[in-house]
Amino acid sequence: MLAIGKKVPSSTVRNEHGEDVSLTDHLGKWIVLYFYPKDDTPGCTKEACSFRNIHAEMEQLGAVVIGVSKDSPEAHRKFVEKYRLNFPLWSDEEHRLIDAFGAWGERSMYGRKYMGTLRSTFIIDPEGKVGHLWEKVTPAMHGEEVLAKLKALMT
């Protein structure tokens, strides 16, 4: 995982509308960048909805929330519409950004091991450095946890 204090890498990926986007588009603001395995799965839906529910408070702080997975822009668009998500989802199908942050690695489900996106979250400061990170996330209340940490970092 990319360590606290390190400058964040920037790769161009696509948003849910298929448009090219990059972290450099948001420098100068606080960024909450979270990586998740797959759209419309139970844990990922809980996590996305937790960020949706606190999004207005994040905006009031001047922060942006961005979710990243290797799902396609079309899958993201459907996920956004189904759950009325109010923040962008980025498609990193070749996992360039996911790799650069160290969020790609061995996972395990039902005893089967495979490579995939590791559920993790980074708070990035306005200068583009990692201010805080979570390498393991409990999805349901994660948005509130991130909001509290962001407030603490901003004071």
Foldseek 3Di string as FASTA:
>chain_A
DADFFDFADWDWFAWLVRDTDICVVPAQFKEKEKEDFDAPDVLVLLQQVLQQVCVVVCVVRRYAYEYEFQDDSPSQVVSCVVNVRDHIYTHDVVCPSQVRRVQWDWDDDPRDIDITGQTKIFIAHNNRGTNDMDRHDRRNNRNVVVSVVVVVSVD
